[in-house]
Amino acid sequence: MVSREEGSEFAQQVGALFMECSAKTREGVVAAFEEIVHRMARQRKSANTGDEKETVGLAQTFEGSSGGCC
């Protein structure tokens, strides 16, 4: 475990995205995945020749989930 400041500073140094989330409580996990997907979609869209037909979606479902990670 690292402090928020340590994580944020390291992410800035290496040019990475920094988000706090917990696999144990699920806090921030969906938001982190959504941010990654949105960034990937924007990169892919800008890499294409303006073709806006390609889309990426993320759905959240917890059917059959026991509430735990694994």
N, C-alpha and C. Protein backbone atom coordinates (compact mmCIF):
# COMPACT_ATOMS: atom_id res chain seq x y z
N MET A 1 0.85 -1.18 0.00
CA MET A 1 0.00 0.00 0.00
C MET A 1 0.89 1.24 0.00
N VAL A 2 0.54 2.20 -0.83
CA VAL A 2 1.27 3.46 -0.90
C VAL A 2 0.30 4.60 -0.65
N SER A 3 0.82 5.73 -0.27
CA SER A 3 -0.04 6.89 -0.04
C SER A 3 -0.55 7.44 -1.38
N ARG A 4 -1.61 8.21 -1.29
CA ARG A 4 -2.18 8.83 -2.49
C ARG A 4 -1.13 9.71 -3.16
N GLU A 5 -0.39 10.46 -2.35
CA GLU A 5 0.63 11.36 -2.90
C GLU A 5 1.73 10.59 -3.62
N GLU A 6 2.20 9.48 -3.02
CA GLU A 6 3.24 8.67 -3.66
C GLU A 6 2.75 8.11 -4.99
N GLY A 7 1.53 7.59 -5.00
CA GLY A 7 0.98 7.03 -6.23
C GLY A 7 0.81 8.07 -7.31
N SER A 8 0.30 9.23 -6.91
CA SER A 8 0.08 10.31 -7.87
C SER A 8 1.40 10.82 -8.44
N GLU A 9 2.39 11.00 -7.58
CA GLU A 9 3.70 11.47 -8.05
C GLU A 9 4.34 10.47 -9.01
N PHE A 10 4.27 9.19 -8.66
CA PHE A 10 4.86 8.17 -9.54
C PHE A 10 4.14 8.15 -10.89
N ALA A 11 2.83 8.23 -10.88
CA ALA A 11 2.08 8.23 -12.14
C ALA A 11 2.48 9.42 -13.01
N GLN A 12 2.66 10.58 -12.40
CA GLN A 12 3.08 11.75 -13.17
C GLN A 12 4.47 11.55 -13.76
N GLN A 13 5.36 10.95 -12.98
CA GLN A 13 6.74 10.74 -13.44
C GLN A 13 6.79 9.82 -14.67
N VAL A 14 5.94 8.81 -14.70
CA VAL A 14 5.99 7.85 -15.80
C VAL A 14 4.91 8.11 -16.85
N GLY A 15 4.11 9.17 -16.67
CA GLY A 15 3.08 9.51 -17.64
C GLY A 15 1.90 8.56 -17.64
N ALA A 16 1.55 8.07 -16.45
CA ALA A 16 0.47 7.08 -16.34
C ALA A 16 -0.77 7.70 -15.69
N LEU A 17 -1.88 7.06 -15.89
CA LEU A 17 -3.14 7.44 -15.26
C LEU A 17 -3.10 6.99 -13.80
N PHE A 18 -3.56 7.83 -12.89
CA PHE A 18 -3.63 7.48 -11.48
C PHE A 18 -5.07 7.56 -11.00
N MET A 19 -5.59 6.44 -10.52
CA MET A 19 -6.93 6.40 -9.94
C MET A 19 -6.88 5.46 -8.74
N GLU A 20 -7.58 5.81 -7.70
CA GLU A 20 -7.64 4.93 -6.54
C GLU A 20 -8.86 4.02 -6.67
N CYS A 21 -8.66 2.76 -6.36
CA CYS A 21 -9.78 1.82 -6.37
C CYS A 21 -9.44 0.65 -5.45
N SER A 22 -10.47 -0.12 -5.10
CA SER A 22 -10.28 -1.24 -4.19
C SER A 22 -10.96 -2.48 -4.75
N ALA A 23 -10.19 -3.54 -4.93
CA ALA A 23 -10.78 -4.81 -5.35
C ALA A 23 -11.59 -5.41 -4.22
N LYS A 24 -11.22 -5.10 -3.00
CA LYS A 24 -11.91 -5.66 -1.84
C LYS A 24 -13.32 -5.08 -1.69
N THR A 25 -13.44 -3.76 -1.80
CA THR A 25 -14.75 -3.11 -1.61
C THR A 25 -15.43 -2.75 -2.93
N ARG A 26 -14.71 -2.91 -4.03
CA ARG A 26 -15.15 -2.54 -5.38
C ARG A 26 -15.25 -1.02 -5.58
N GLU A 27 -14.84 -0.26 -4.60
CA GLU A 27 -14.92 1.19 -4.73
C GLU A 27 -13.97 1.68 -5.82
N GLY A 28 -14.51 2.39 -6.80
CA GLY A 28 -13.71 2.96 -7.87
C GLY A 28 -13.30 2.02 -8.98
N VAL A 29 -13.61 0.73 -8.86
CA VAL A 29 -13.17 -0.24 -9.87
C VAL A 29 -13.87 0.01 -11.21
N VAL A 30 -15.18 0.17 -11.19
CA VAL A 30 -15.92 0.41 -12.44
C VAL A 30 -15.47 1.71 -13.08
N ALA A 31 -15.30 2.74 -12.27
CA ALA A 31 -14.85 4.03 -12.80
C ALA A 31 -13.48 3.91 -13.45
N ALA A 32 -12.59 3.13 -12.86
CA ALA A 32 -11.25 2.94 -13.43
C ALA A 32 -11.33 2.24 -14.79
N PHE A 33 -12.12 1.17 -14.88
CA PHE A 33 -12.27 0.46 -16.15
C PHE A 33 -12.93 1.35 -17.19
N GLU A 34 -13.94 2.12 -16.79
CA GLU A 34 -14.61 3.01 -17.74
C GLU A 34 -13.64 4.06 -18.28
N GLU A 35 -12.82 4.62 -17.41
CA GLU A 35 -11.85 5.63 -17.85
C GLU A 35 -10.85 5.03 -18.83
N ILE A 36 -10.38 3.83 -18.55
CA ILE A 36 -9.44 3.15 -19.46
C ILE A 36 -10.09 2.90 -20.81
N VAL A 37 -11.33 2.41 -20.81
CA VAL A 37 -12.03 2.12 -22.06
C VAL A 37 -12.25 3.41 -22.86
N HIS A 38 -12.65 4.48 -22.18
CA HIS A 38 -12.88 5.75 -22.88
C HIS A 38 -11.58 6.29 -23.48
N ARG A 39 -10.49 6.18 -22.76
CA ARG A 39 -9.21 6.65 -23.29
C ARG A 39 -8.77 5.80 -24.48
N MET A 40 -8.97 4.49 -24.39
CA MET A 40 -8.61 3.62 -25.51
C MET A 40 -9.47 3.94 -26.73
N ALA A 41 -10.74 4.19 -26.52
CA ALA A 41 -11.63 4.50 -27.64
C ALA A 41 -11.23 5.81 -28.29
N ARG A 42 -10.86 6.82 -27.49
CA ARG A 42 -10.43 8.10 -28.05
C ARG A 42 -9.14 7.93 -28.84
N GLN A 43 -8.20 7.14 -28.33
CA GLN A 43 -6.95 6.91 -29.05
C GLN A 43 -7.21 6.19 -30.36
N ARG A 44 -8.07 5.19 -30.31
CA ARG A 44 -8.38 4.43 -31.52
C ARG A 44 -9.08 5.31 -32.54
N LYS A 45 -9.99 6.14 -32.07
CA LYS A 45 -10.72 7.03 -32.96
C LYS A 45 -9.78 8.03 -33.63
N SER A 46 -8.84 8.58 -32.86
CA SER A 46 -7.92 9.54 -33.44
C SER A 46 -6.92 8.86 -34.37
N ALA A 47 -6.65 7.57 -34.15
CA ALA A 47 -5.74 6.84 -35.02
C ALA A 47 -6.40 6.49 -36.34
N ASN A 48 -7.72 6.35 -36.33
CA ASN A 48 -8.45 6.05 -37.57
C ASN A 48 -8.52 7.30 -38.43
N THR A 49 -8.96 7.14 -39.63
CA THR A 49 -9.04 8.28 -40.57
C THR A 49 -10.37 9.00 -40.45
N GLY A 50 -10.83 9.18 -39.23
CA GLY A 50 -12.09 9.90 -39.03
C GLY A 50 -13.31 9.00 -39.06
N ASP A 51 -13.13 7.70 -39.15
CA ASP A 51 -14.25 6.77 -39.16
C ASP A 51 -14.85 6.71 -37.76
N GLU A 52 -16.04 7.28 -37.59
CA GLU A 52 -16.67 7.34 -36.28
C GLU A 52 -17.66 6.21 -36.06
N LYS A 53 -17.66 5.20 -36.92
CA LYS A 53 -18.60 4.09 -36.79
C LYS A 53 -18.19 3.14 -35.68
N GLU A 54 -16.90 3.11 -35.34
CA GLU A 54 -16.43 2.20 -34.32
C GLU A 54 -16.72 2.77 -32.94
N THR A 55 -17.36 1.96 -32.08
CA THR A 55 -17.66 2.39 -30.72
C THR A 55 -17.26 1.30 -29.74
N VAL A 56 -17.05 1.70 -28.51
CA VAL A 56 -16.71 0.77 -27.45
C VAL A 56 -17.67 1.01 -26.30
N GLY A 57 -18.25 -0.04 -25.76
CA GLY A 57 -19.17 0.10 -24.64
C GLY A 57 -18.73 -0.76 -23.47
N LEU A 58 -19.18 -0.39 -22.28
CA LEU A 58 -18.86 -1.14 -21.08
C LEU A 58 -20.14 -1.26 -20.27
N ALA A 59 -20.55 -2.50 -20.00
CA ALA A 59 -21.77 -2.74 -19.22
C ALA A 59 -21.39 -3.35 -17.89
N GLN A 60 -22.14 -2.96 -16.87
CA GLN A 60 -21.88 -3.48 -15.52
C GLN A 60 -23.01 -4.43 -15.13
N THR A 61 -22.64 -5.68 -14.84
CA THR A 61 -23.63 -6.65 -14.35
C THR A 61 -23.03 -7.43 -13.20
N PHE A 62 -23.85 -7.74 -12.22
CA PHE A 62 -23.39 -8.50 -11.09
C PHE A 62 -24.26 -9.73 -10.85
N GLU A 63 -24.90 -10.24 -11.89
CA GLU A 63 -25.75 -11.42 -11.76
C GLU A 63 -24.93 -12.61 -11.30
N GLY A 64 -25.42 -13.28 -10.29
CA GLY A 64 -24.74 -14.48 -9.79
C GLY A 64 -23.50 -14.16 -8.96
N SER A 65 -23.27 -12.89 -8.71
CA SER A 65 -22.09 -12.52 -7.95
C SER A 65 -22.30 -12.79 -6.47
N SER A 66 -21.30 -13.33 -5.85
CA SER A 66 -21.37 -13.59 -4.40
C SER A 66 -20.96 -12.36 -3.62
N GLY A 67 -20.63 -11.29 -4.30
CA GLY A 67 -20.22 -10.07 -3.64
C GLY A 67 -18.72 -9.96 -3.46
N GLY A 68 -18.01 -11.04 -3.74
CA GLY A 68 -16.56 -11.02 -3.58
C GLY A 68 -15.85 -10.90 -4.91
N CYS A 69 -14.59 -10.84 -4.85
CA CYS A 69 -13.79 -10.69 -6.05
C CYS A 69 -13.75 -11.98 -6.86
N CYS A 70 -13.46 -13.11 -6.20
CA CYS A 70 -13.21 -14.33 -6.95
C CYS A 70 -14.02 -15.51 -6.43
